[in-house]
Amino acid sequence: MKKFFFLLLFLLAFGCSKDSDEIPDVPDGPDIQFYTLTISTTTGGSVDSEGGTYEQGEQITITATPEDGYLFQNWTGDENSNENPLTITMNDDIDITANFAVNEVYSYNYNVPSHDWENYYTPWLSVYEILFEAGLEQTHWMSHVNTYYGIGDFNLDGYLDFNTSIPNNDDTLHHYDYFILDNGLGEFFLDENFPYESDTEVFGSRKTIVGDFNLDNKPDVFRPAGGHDRLGYPNIVLSGQDGYSHIIINNTPLLQPHTVCSGDIDNDGDLDVFLAQSGESDGFLINNGDATFEWKWISEVIEDFDSGYVYPDGGYGYGGIWSSEMTDVDNDGFVDLIVGGNYKDEDYDSLFDGPTIFWGDGSGKFYNSNSTTIFNEQDVVGYAGSDITLSQDYAVNDVDGDGINDIAVYSTLDNEGYFYQIIKGLANREFEDKTVDWLPSNVISGTSQTTNRVWVKLMDVDNNGLMDIVEGEPLIYIPDGVFRASVRWEWNGGGFTKIN
């Protein structure tokens, strides 16, 4: 009996003891669900995830990256979306495909006149915002970036990038080049490792143009240097097999050009360049096909000026050329040259009556006797309310759809206002000024509205089939660090409607 009692005590004591590591029983919870993500791709790109198995409710972000020559198109399957990156919440098994398509604009044609590249091929982009977002400092000189940048696909990935030359923030005004690239998602970044070699500094440029000057199907950036009595040589950011290099074109006179444009004036398949600074050193760089050039005075290419500055070859050249463009105005297959600036007050002045088109014939020569004055400056004083001091820029396109090109002209006035005109092209190389009938509120005045007005474009900026007259960029940065909306008119079928 005692043995039984002690055995009972032992069992009770052992049964009541508890190990500190023992896990107590808990009620059973709901089962955890797992789902499978399966990702496929079409030809032309990759994704940064292989998929896999994930807990219910887990969010997975996937980025699709196109290969060179392709664009990301969309996601299809259990998720249909155009977003990239795409975020998926795993509440079921999901099977998706990243679709890529050949980038039809991958191979851009840069062997076109600089006017055509700017007005027909490049989009209307807020350059200032893009450069600021990419990390460039908002200095006073950034307000002049509209004369420094060029657009092209510099890394050959199918997306348009920027090359810009910004002055050093000191009194020297020397410039340094930067490449601002599109990452394929519409975001721009400063590529500090872009393959570019430069061992020289240049002065600022009043205009920048883009073209394929060495015929390698890549964009090059041409800038004249100098300005405000700082003389310099033209320079080119030139494409090569392994990247870009900065080349000084030093077989020209020392210049401070107010204008530059390019086009194939001799019909040999490459882009030639015209430079002018209002007389005395105006001329052409005739391309040898490899971005080496032969300098020719304006009197050597336009042979029949009857007065003006006497050039070293004994020929004349008119003064007053501050602006120029090259394009095929009359659609005859040959590049024409538009020049202007300030105009004659007296008959004996060796200046133009107004903006003038020299009609090209592919021979590499232009003739004063084969030219047309777009409008006579003295005829526009009545409704401009002031004299035109300077015609700054021209844009050519078919506004009214009649198959004949029209011309937009942007000028400054002597009362510090700005003046826009629209000139209708007629048959037989004739023109009619339709500004009064077609273009409302064409005189812009007031300090906040006139700041940094530089270029004019004639293009359908919103792709709605209606031509617009606009400034070079949608938003203009002004020195006090704010933006203003660009001036804009849109064609309405019988004239233009003022938008901004």
Protein backbone atom coordinates (compact mmCIF):
# COMPACT_ATOMS: atom_id res chain seq x y z
CA MET A 1 0.00 0.00 0.00
CA LYS A 2 2.86 2.40 0.82
CA LYS A 3 4.57 1.50 -2.49
CA PHE A 4 1.40 2.38 -4.37
CA PHE A 5 1.09 5.71 -2.51
CA PHE A 6 4.69 6.79 -3.29
CA LEU A 7 4.26 5.74 -6.94
CA LEU A 8 1.14 7.89 -7.16
CA LEU A 9 2.97 10.92 -5.69
CA PHE A 10 5.81 10.45 -8.17
CA LEU A 11 3.47 10.35 -11.13
CA LEU A 12 1.58 13.42 -9.94
CA ALA A 13 4.79 15.39 -9.43
CA PHE A 14 6.23 14.44 -12.83
CA GLY A 15 2.96 15.15 -14.60
CA CYS A 16 2.72 18.66 -13.13
CA SER A 17 6.28 19.64 -14.08
CA LYS A 18 6.73 21.71 -17.29
CA ASP A 19 9.71 22.16 -19.57
CA SER A 20 10.37 25.88 -20.33
CA ASP A 21 10.94 25.10 -24.05
CA GLU A 22 7.68 23.30 -24.57
CA ILE A 23 5.31 25.05 -27.10
CA PRO A 24 1.70 24.96 -25.98
CA ASP A 25 -0.98 23.75 -28.33
CA VAL A 26 -2.79 26.53 -30.31
CA PRO A 27 -5.92 26.30 -32.31
CA ASP A 28 -5.42 25.61 -36.03
CA GLY A 29 -5.42 28.85 -38.22
CA PRO A 30 -6.44 29.33 -41.87
CA ASP A 31 -4.13 27.81 -44.51
CA ILE A 32 -1.64 30.25 -46.20
CA GLN A 33 -2.32 30.47 -49.95
CA PHE A 34 0.48 30.57 -52.53
CA TYR A 35 0.14 31.56 -56.19
CA THR A 36 2.39 31.22 -59.21
CA LEU A 37 3.54 34.12 -61.45
CA THR A 38 4.63 33.04 -64.94
CA ILE A 39 6.31 35.68 -67.15
CA SER A 40 7.05 35.39 -70.85
CA THR A 41 8.55 37.84 -73.37
CA THR A 42 8.32 38.30 -77.10
CA THR A 43 11.39 38.94 -79.25
CA GLY A 44 13.08 42.26 -78.59
CA GLY A 45 13.47 42.59 -74.85
CA SER A 46 13.74 41.14 -71.38
CA VAL A 47 12.23 41.46 -67.90
CA ASP A 48 13.94 41.72 -64.52
CA SER A 49 12.01 38.84 -62.91
CA GLU A 50 11.75 35.13 -63.63
CA GLY A 51 8.43 34.88 -61.82
CA GLY A 52 7.88 32.24 -59.16
CA THR A 53 5.59 31.36 -56.24
CA TYR A 54 4.38 34.10 -53.89
CA GLU A 55 2.09 34.41 -50.88
CA GLN A 56 -1.40 35.70 -51.37
CA GLY A 57 -1.49 39.52 -51.35
CA GLU A 58 2.23 39.95 -52.04
CA GLN A 59 3.02 42.73 -54.53
CA ILE A 60 5.57 42.09 -57.27
CA THR A 61 7.02 44.87 -59.50
CA ILE A 62 8.36 43.90 -62.92
CA THR A 63 10.25 46.10 -65.38
CA ALA A 64 10.45 45.33 -69.09
CA THR A 65 13.57 46.52 -70.95
CA PRO A 66 13.65 46.65 -74.78
CA GLU A 67 16.74 45.73 -76.76
CA ASP A 68 18.32 48.16 -79.22
CA GLY A 69 15.93 48.71 -82.09
CA TYR A 70 12.83 47.71 -80.13
CA LEU A 71 10.20 49.42 -77.98
CA PHE A 72 8.20 48.04 -75.07
CA GLN A 73 4.62 47.75 -76.28
CA ASN A 74 2.40 46.36 -73.48
CA TRP A 75 1.61 43.51 -71.09
CA THR A 76 -0.96 40.91 -72.09
CA GLY A 77 -2.38 37.72 -70.56
CA ASP A 78 -3.97 37.73 -67.14
CA GLU A 79 -2.88 41.36 -66.75
CA ASN A 80 -3.39 43.81 -69.63
CA SER A 81 -1.53 47.08 -69.15
CA ASN A 82 0.72 49.64 -70.81
CA GLU A 83 2.43 50.53 -67.53
CA ASN A 84 6.14 49.88 -67.18
CA PRO A 85 7.23 49.01 -64.51
CA LEU A 86 4.11 46.97 -63.72
CA THR A 87 3.06 46.14 -60.12
CA ILE A 88 1.00 42.95 -59.62
CA THR A 89 -0.88 41.84 -56.48
CA MET A 90 -0.81 38.05 -56.18
CA ASN A 91 -4.36 36.92 -55.48
CA ASP A 92 -4.41 34.18 -58.10
CA ASP A 93 -2.14 32.34 -60.50
CA ILE A 94 -1.04 34.91 -63.08
CA ASP A 95 0.44 34.34 -66.54
CA ILE A 96 1.60 37.48 -68.39
CA THR A 97 3.66 38.37 -71.46
CA ALA A 98 5.83 41.43 -72.04
CA ASN A 99 5.41 42.44 -75.68
CA PHE A 100 8.06 44.30 -77.64
CA ALA A 101 7.84 45.76 -81.14
CA VAL A 102 10.38 46.96 -83.67
CA ASN A 103 11.04 50.66 -83.13
CA GLU A 104 10.06 52.13 -86.49
CA VAL A 105 11.91 55.36 -85.69
CA TYR A 106 15.02 53.62 -84.51
CA SER A 107 16.99 54.60 -87.60
CA TYR A 108 16.52 58.35 -87.86
CA ASN A 109 17.54 60.19 -91.01
CA TYR A 110 19.85 62.99 -89.96
CA ASN A 111 20.99 63.75 -93.50
CA VAL A 112 18.33 66.42 -93.91
CA PRO A 113 18.50 70.24 -93.68
CA SER A 114 18.75 71.45 -90.09
CA HIS A 115 15.44 73.30 -90.53
CA ASP A 116 13.68 70.06 -91.49
CA TRP A 117 15.12 68.09 -88.57
CA GLU A 118 13.92 70.76 -86.14
CA ASN A 119 10.45 71.33 -87.65
CA TYR A 120 9.46 67.96 -89.11
CA TYR A 121 11.16 65.25 -87.04
CA THR A 122 11.89 66.38 -83.49
CA PRO A 123 9.06 66.52 -80.91
CA TRP A 124 8.03 69.69 -79.07
CA LEU A 125 9.72 69.16 -75.70
CA SER A 126 10.16 71.26 -72.56
CA VAL A 127 13.92 71.30 -72.78
CA TYR A 128 14.50 73.35 -69.64
CA GLU A 129 12.45 71.03 -67.46
CA ILE A 130 14.20 67.98 -68.87
CA LEU A 131 17.67 69.41 -68.19
CA PHE A 132 16.75 70.50 -64.68
CA GLU A 133 15.22 67.14 -63.84
CA ALA A 134 18.37 65.47 -65.14
CA GLY A 135 20.38 67.38 -62.54
CA LEU A 136 21.89 70.38 -64.33
CA GLU A 137 22.17 73.42 -62.10
CA GLN A 138 19.63 76.21 -62.58
CA THR A 139 22.09 79.05 -63.16
CA HIS A 140 21.48 82.33 -64.94
CA TRP A 141 23.06 80.91 -68.07
CA MET A 142 20.56 78.07 -68.20
CA SER A 143 18.03 80.64 -69.40
CA HIS A 144 19.96 80.71 -72.68
CA VAL A 145 19.94 76.96 -73.20
CA ASN A 146 17.55 77.35 -76.14
CA THR A 147 20.54 78.31 -78.30
CA TYR A 148 22.83 75.57 -76.98
CA TYR A 149 21.03 72.22 -77.26
CA GLY A 150 20.67 69.64 -80.03
CA ILE A 151 18.33 66.64 -80.16
CA GLY A 152 19.33 63.22 -81.51
CA ASP A 153 19.62 59.55 -80.60
CA PHE A 154 23.20 59.75 -79.42
CA ASN A 155 23.46 56.29 -77.84
CA LEU A 156 21.54 54.59 -80.68
CA ASP A 157 18.88 52.97 -78.51
CA GLY A 158 15.92 54.34 -80.47
CA TYR A 159 15.13 57.21 -78.11
CA LEU A 160 15.87 60.88 -78.67
CA ASP A 161 18.44 62.41 -76.32
CA PHE A 162 19.95 65.87 -75.75
CA ASN A 163 23.42 67.24 -76.21
CA THR A 164 23.76 70.62 -74.56
CA SER A 165 26.61 73.01 -74.07
CA ILE A 166 26.30 75.13 -70.94
CA PRO A 167 28.59 78.07 -70.11
CA ASN A 168 30.90 77.83 -67.17
CA ASN A 169 29.45 79.98 -64.40
CA ASP A 170 32.11 82.67 -64.62
CA ASP A 171 33.05 85.56 -66.86
CA THR A 172 34.82 83.45 -69.48
CA LEU A 173 31.59 82.03 -70.93
CA HIS A 174 33.47 78.91 -71.98
CA HIS A 175 31.15 75.99 -72.71
CA TYR A 176 31.19 72.34 -71.73
CA ASP A 177 29.17 69.55 -73.34
CA TYR A 178 26.71 67.28 -71.54
CA PHE A 179 24.74 64.29 -72.81
CA ILE A 180 21.23 63.96 -71.37
CA LEU A 181 19.81 60.55 -72.31
CA ASP A 182 16.31 59.05 -72.40
CA ASN A 183 16.23 55.78 -70.46
CA GLY A 184 13.40 54.40 -72.59
CA LEU A 185 10.75 55.20 -70.01
CA GLY A 186 10.45 58.88 -70.86
CA GLU A 187 12.88 59.80 -68.08
CA PHE A 188 16.09 61.70 -68.76
CA PHE A 189 19.39 61.46 -66.94
CA LEU A 190 22.83 63.02 -67.18
CA ASP A 191 25.22 60.34 -68.45
CA GLU A 192 28.56 61.37 -66.99
CA ASN A 193 30.22 58.29 -68.53
CA PHE A 194 29.06 58.91 -72.07
CA PRO A 195 31.90 58.11 -74.53
CA TYR A 196 32.98 61.63 -75.42
CA GLU A 197 36.43 63.15 -75.81
CA SER A 198 37.16 66.85 -75.65
CA ASP A 199 40.40 68.63 -74.86
CA THR A 200 39.23 72.12 -75.71
CA GLU A 201 36.84 74.80 -74.56
CA VAL A 202 34.70 76.98 -76.81
CA PHE A 203 32.72 80.17 -76.47
CA GLY A 204 28.94 80.29 -76.57
CA SER A 205 26.82 79.72 -79.63
CA ARG A 206 23.84 81.73 -80.79
CA LYS A 207 22.43 78.68 -82.55
CA THR A 208 22.94 74.90 -82.56
CA ILE A 209 22.06 72.54 -85.42
CA VAL A 210 22.00 68.76 -85.78
CA GLY A 211 22.79 66.66 -88.84
CA ASP A 212 24.78 63.68 -90.10
CA PHE A 213 27.82 65.54 -91.35
CA ASN A 214 30.15 62.53 -91.79
CA LEU A 215 27.53 60.21 -93.35
CA ASP A 216 27.69 57.45 -90.71
CA ASN A 217 23.93 57.54 -89.94
CA LYS A 218 24.53 59.09 -86.52
CA PRO A 219 23.64 62.59 -85.29
CA ASP A 220 26.36 65.24 -85.06
CA VAL A 221 25.99 68.63 -83.35
CA PHE A 222 27.34 71.75 -85.07
CA ARG A 223 27.81 75.06 -83.28
CA PRO A 224 29.35 78.32 -84.40
CA ALA A 225 31.35 79.88 -81.58
CA GLY A 226 31.72 83.45 -80.48
CA GLY A 227 29.44 86.38 -79.92
CA HIS A 228 29.50 89.85 -78.38
CA ASP A 229 33.00 90.50 -79.72
CA ARG A 230 34.30 87.09 -78.62
CA LEU A 231 35.58 85.54 -81.83
CA GLY A 232 35.92 81.81 -82.28
CA TYR A 233 35.96 78.94 -84.74
CA PRO A 234 32.96 76.73 -85.47
CA ASN A 235 33.03 73.36 -83.72
CA ILE A 236 31.29 70.04 -84.10
CA VAL A 237 30.49 67.22 -81.67
CA LEU A 238 31.25 64.47 -84.18
CA SER A 239 30.25 60.81 -84.04
CA GLY A 240 32.84 58.09 -84.43
CA GLN A 241 33.08 54.34 -84.11
CA ASP A 242 33.59 54.39 -80.34
CA GLY A 243 31.74 57.53 -79.31
CA TYR A 244 31.94 61.27 -79.90
CA SER A 245 34.78 63.78 -80.11
CA HIS A 246 34.90 67.56 -80.13
CA ILE A 247 36.37 68.94 -83.36
CA ILE A 248 37.33 72.57 -83.97
CA ILE A 249 36.87 73.70 -87.60
CA ASN A 250 39.75 76.14 -87.86
CA ASN A 251 39.96 76.72 -91.61
CA THR A 252 37.40 79.53 -91.37
CA PRO A 253 37.97 83.14 -90.36
CA LEU A 254 37.54 83.85 -86.68
CA LEU A 255 33.82 84.45 -86.39
CA GLN A 256 30.96 85.48 -84.12
CA PRO A 257 28.05 84.19 -86.26
CA HIS A 258 24.50 85.22 -85.53
CA THR A 259 23.10 82.37 -87.61
CA VAL A 260 23.91 78.93 -88.95
CA CYS A 261 21.95 76.41 -91.02
CA SER A 262 22.69 73.30 -93.08
CA GLY A 263 21.53 71.67 -96.30
CA ASP A 264 22.94 69.94 -99.36
CA ILE A 265 23.37 72.91 -101.69
CA ASP A 266 25.57 71.12 -104.26
CA ASN A 267 23.44 67.95 -104.40
CA ASP A 268 26.38 65.61 -103.65
CA GLY A 269 24.66 63.80 -100.78
CA ASP A 270 26.14 65.57 -97.75
CA LEU A 271 25.22 68.57 -95.61
CA ASP A 272 26.87 71.93 -96.25
CA VAL A 273 26.73 74.81 -93.78
CA PHE A 274 25.98 78.53 -94.06
CA LEU A 275 27.27 80.99 -91.45
CA ALA A 276 26.64 84.73 -91.27
CA GLN A 277 27.28 87.58 -88.87
CA SER A 278 25.66 90.51 -90.68
CA GLY A 279 28.41 91.08 -93.23
CA GLU A 280 32.20 91.01 -93.63
CA SER A 281 32.71 87.35 -92.68
CA ASP A 282 29.68 85.58 -94.12
CA GLY A 283 30.29 82.33 -95.93
CA PHE A 284 29.74 78.63 -96.52
CA LEU A 285 31.45 75.47 -95.34
CA ILE A 286 31.25 73.01 -98.23
CA ASN A 287 31.30 69.45 -96.92
CA ASN A 288 33.73 66.89 -98.35
CA GLY A 289 31.43 64.10 -97.14
CA ASP A 290 33.40 63.28 -93.99
CA ALA A 291 32.75 66.43 -91.93
CA THR A 292 35.86 68.14 -93.24
CA PHE A 293 34.92 71.38 -94.94
CA GLU A 294 36.15 73.91 -97.46
CA TRP A 295 35.46 77.54 -96.57
CA LYS A 296 33.96 79.76 -99.26
CA TRP A 297 33.08 83.41 -98.86
CA ILE A 298 29.45 84.28 -99.55
CA SER A 299 30.59 86.05 -102.73
CA GLU A 300 31.96 82.75 -104.04
CA VAL A 301 28.60 81.00 -103.75
CA ILE A 302 26.18 83.89 -104.42
CA GLU A 303 28.05 85.41 -107.33
CA ASP A 304 25.93 88.32 -108.51
CA PHE A 305 25.58 90.74 -105.60
CA ASP A 306 25.98 94.20 -107.16
CA SER A 307 27.25 96.07 -104.09
CA GLY A 308 28.14 95.67 -100.44
CA TYR A 309 31.18 94.45 -98.58
CA VAL A 310 34.08 93.48 -100.84
CA TYR A 311 35.38 89.99 -100.10
CA PRO A 312 38.92 88.67 -100.75
CA ASP A 313 37.87 87.19 -104.11
CA GLY A 314 36.76 90.65 -105.28
CA GLY A 315 33.06 89.83 -105.11
CA TYR A 316 30.36 91.57 -103.06
CA GLY A 317 28.12 90.44 -100.24
CA TYR A 318 25.09 92.18 -98.77
CA GLY A 319 25.10 92.98 -95.07
CA GLY A 320 22.34 92.57 -92.53
CA ILE A 321 22.13 88.76 -92.50
CA TRP A 322 21.32 87.80 -88.91
CA SER A 323 19.07 84.79 -89.56
CA SER A 324 18.90 81.94 -92.06
CA GLU A 325 17.37 78.56 -92.83
CA MET A 326 17.77 75.97 -95.59
CA THR A 327 14.88 73.84 -96.85
CA ASP A 328 13.15 72.99 -100.12
CA VAL A 329 10.56 75.76 -100.07
CA ASP A 330 9.11 75.15 -103.54
CA ASN A 331 9.29 71.32 -103.44
CA ASP A 332 11.39 71.06 -106.60
CA GLY A 333 13.94 68.68 -105.04
CA PHE A 334 16.62 71.32 -104.40
CA VAL A 335 17.52 73.07 -101.16
CA ASP A 336 16.76 76.78 -100.99
CA LEU A 337 18.39 79.37 -98.70
CA ILE A 338 16.30 81.84 -96.67
CA VAL A 339 18.15 84.85 -95.24
CA GLY A 340 17.14 88.00 -93.42
CA GLY A 341 17.83 90.23 -90.48
CA ASN A 342 17.78 93.98 -90.77
CA TYR A 343 16.78 95.66 -94.00
CA LYS A 344 17.49 98.67 -96.17
CA ASP A 345 16.19 102.12 -95.31
CA GLU A 346 17.42 103.75 -98.49
CA ASP A 347 17.67 102.42 -102.03
CA TYR A 348 21.44 102.67 -101.99
CA ASP A 349 21.81 100.48 -98.89
CA SER A 350 23.50 97.14 -99.62
CA LEU A 351 20.87 95.26 -97.65
CA PHE A 352 17.77 93.23 -98.47
CA ASP A 353 14.26 94.69 -98.74
CA GLY A 354 12.99 91.90 -96.50
CA PRO A 355 13.48 88.19 -95.86
CA THR A 356 14.72 86.67 -99.10
CA ILE A 357 14.73 83.18 -100.61
CA PHE A 358 17.62 82.18 -102.86
CA TRP A 359 16.29 79.38 -105.06
CA GLY A 360 18.59 76.37 -105.26
CA ASP A 361 19.31 74.31 -108.35
CA GLY A 362 21.72 71.73 -106.88
CA SER A 363 24.75 73.32 -108.51
CA GLY A 364 26.21 74.68 -105.29
CA LYS A 365 25.53 78.24 -106.45
CA PHE A 366 22.83 80.75 -105.62
CA TYR A 367 22.05 83.95 -107.51
CA ASN A 368 20.65 87.27 -106.38
CA SER A 369 18.92 87.40 -109.73
CA ASN A 370 17.12 84.13 -108.88
CA SER A 371 15.68 85.15 -105.52
CA THR A 372 12.33 86.23 -104.10
CA THR A 373 11.58 88.71 -101.33
CA ILE A 374 9.02 87.14 -98.98
CA PHE A 375 7.75 90.55 -97.89
CA ASN A 376 9.06 94.09 -98.02
CA GLU A 377 9.82 95.31 -94.51
CA GLN A 378 8.63 98.84 -95.27
CA ASP A 379 5.17 97.52 -96.13
CA VAL A 380 4.47 96.04 -92.69
CA VAL A 381 4.94 99.16 -90.55
CA GLY A 382 1.24 100.08 -90.72
CA TYR A 383 -0.16 97.11 -88.81
CA ALA A 384 2.90 96.17 -86.82
CA GLY A 385 2.73 99.59 -85.22
CA SER A 386 6.51 99.77 -85.26
CA ASP A 387 9.50 99.09 -87.48
CA ILE A 388 10.99 95.61 -87.65
CA THR A 389 14.46 95.85 -86.22
CA LEU A 390 15.42 92.24 -86.88
CA SER A 391 13.89 89.12 -88.41
CA GLN A 392 15.02 86.39 -86.04
CA ASP A 393 13.76 83.06 -87.43
CA TYR A 394 11.72 81.31 -90.12
CA ALA A 395 9.72 78.09 -90.31
CA VAL A 396 8.36 76.47 -93.48
CA ASN A 397 5.41 74.05 -93.77
CA ASP A 398 2.11 73.62 -95.59
CA VAL A 399 -0.39 75.27 -93.26
CA ASP A 400 -3.60 75.09 -95.29
CA GLY A 401 -3.04 71.74 -97.04
CA ASP A 402 -2.91 73.09 -100.59
CA GLY A 403 0.43 71.41 -101.33
CA ILE A 404 2.36 74.71 -101.34
CA ASN A 405 4.60 75.62 -98.42
CA ASP A 406 3.83 78.65 -96.28
CA ILE A 407 6.29 80.55 -94.09
CA ALA A 408 6.09 81.76 -90.50
CA VAL A 409 8.39 84.66 -89.62
CA TYR A 410 9.33 85.87 -86.17
CA SER A 411 10.86 89.35 -85.73
CA THR A 412 11.67 91.93 -83.08
CA LEU A 413 10.27 95.46 -83.16
CA ASP A 414 11.94 98.73 -82.27
CA ASN A 415 9.46 99.28 -79.42
CA GLU A 416 10.83 96.09 -77.78
CA GLY A 417 7.84 94.03 -78.84
CA TYR A 418 7.83 90.79 -80.81
CA PHE A 419 6.10 90.31 -84.14
CA TYR A 420 4.86 87.12 -85.82
CA GLN A 421 3.77 86.83 -89.45
CA ILE A 422 2.32 84.10 -91.64
CA ILE A 423 3.12 84.29 -95.36
CA LYS A 424 1.03 82.13 -97.69
CA GLY A 425 2.84 80.41 -100.53
CA LEU A 426 1.29 80.80 -103.97
CA ALA A 427 2.14 79.19 -107.29
CA ASN A 428 5.23 80.24 -109.26
CA ARG A 429 7.32 81.13 -106.19
CA GLU A 430 5.07 84.00 -105.17
CA PHE A 431 3.84 84.87 -101.68
CA GLU A 432 1.03 86.73 -99.97
CA ASP A 433 1.22 88.16 -96.46
CA LYS A 434 -1.86 86.76 -94.67
CA THR A 435 -0.95 87.97 -91.19
CA VAL A 436 -3.84 90.42 -90.86
CA ASP A 437 -6.40 87.85 -92.03
CA TRP A 438 -5.01 84.74 -90.39
CA LEU A 439 -3.01 85.57 -87.27
CA PRO A 440 -4.74 87.32 -84.34
CA SER A 441 -2.75 89.01 -81.56
CA ASN A 442 0.47 88.66 -83.52
CA VAL A 443 2.30 91.48 -81.68
CA ILE A 444 3.61 90.35 -78.29
CA SER A 445 4.66 92.99 -75.77
CA GLY A 446 5.24 93.24 -72.05
CA THR A 447 8.34 92.16 -70.17
CA SER A 448 7.03 88.86 -68.83
CA GLN A 449 5.83 87.81 -72.27
CA THR A 450 8.91 88.76 -74.25
CA THR A 451 11.69 87.21 -72.19
CA ASN A 452 13.87 84.66 -73.99
CA ARG A 453 11.84 84.56 -77.18
CA VAL A 454 14.21 83.01 -79.73
CA TRP A 455 12.76 80.59 -82.32
CA VAL A 456 9.58 79.91 -84.26
CA LYS A 457 8.34 76.50 -85.41
CA LEU A 458 5.58 75.57 -87.82
CA MET A 459 4.46 72.06 -86.84
CA ASP A 460 1.53 70.03 -85.55
CA VAL A 461 2.66 69.90 -81.92
CA ASP A 462 -0.26 67.84 -80.58
CA ASN A 463 -0.69 65.52 -83.59
CA ASN A 464 -4.31 66.49 -84.19
CA GLY A 465 -3.86 67.24 -87.89
CA LEU A 466 -3.80 71.02 -87.43
CA MET A 467 -0.65 73.08 -87.92
CA ASP A 468 0.60 75.24 -85.04
CA ILE A 469 2.84 78.30 -84.89
CA VAL A 470 4.87 77.96 -81.70
CA GLU A 471 8.09 78.86 -80.01
CA GLY A 472 10.92 76.36 -79.84
CA GLU A 473 9.82 74.74 -76.56
CA PRO A 474 6.44 74.47 -74.74
CA LEU A 475 7.79 76.18 -71.61
CA ILE A 476 10.42 78.90 -71.53
CA TYR A 477 12.71 79.39 -68.54
CA ILE A 478 13.43 83.01 -67.65
CA PRO A 479 16.30 84.34 -65.53
CA ASP A 480 14.36 84.77 -62.31
CA GLY A 481 13.84 81.03 -62.11
CA VAL A 482 10.25 80.66 -63.33
CA PHE A 483 8.65 79.36 -66.49
CA ARG A 484 6.22 80.91 -68.92
CA ALA A 485 4.04 79.14 -71.47
CA SER A 486 5.20 79.54 -75.05
CA VAL A 487 3.24 81.51 -77.58
CA ARG A 488 1.01 79.27 -79.68
CA TRP A 489 -1.54 79.59 -82.44
CA GLU A 490 -3.42 76.63 -84.02
CA TRP A 491 -4.83 76.44 -87.53
CA ASN A 492 -8.64 76.30 -87.57
CA GLY A 493 -9.26 75.77 -91.29
CA GLY A 494 -9.52 79.42 -92.25
CA GLY A 495 -6.90 81.05 -90.06
CA PHE A 496 -5.26 80.62 -86.69
CA THR A 497 -6.74 80.62 -83.18
CA LYS A 498 -4.59 82.03 -80.37
CA ILE A 499 -3.96 79.34 -77.72
CA ASN A 500 -1.29 81.02 -75.54
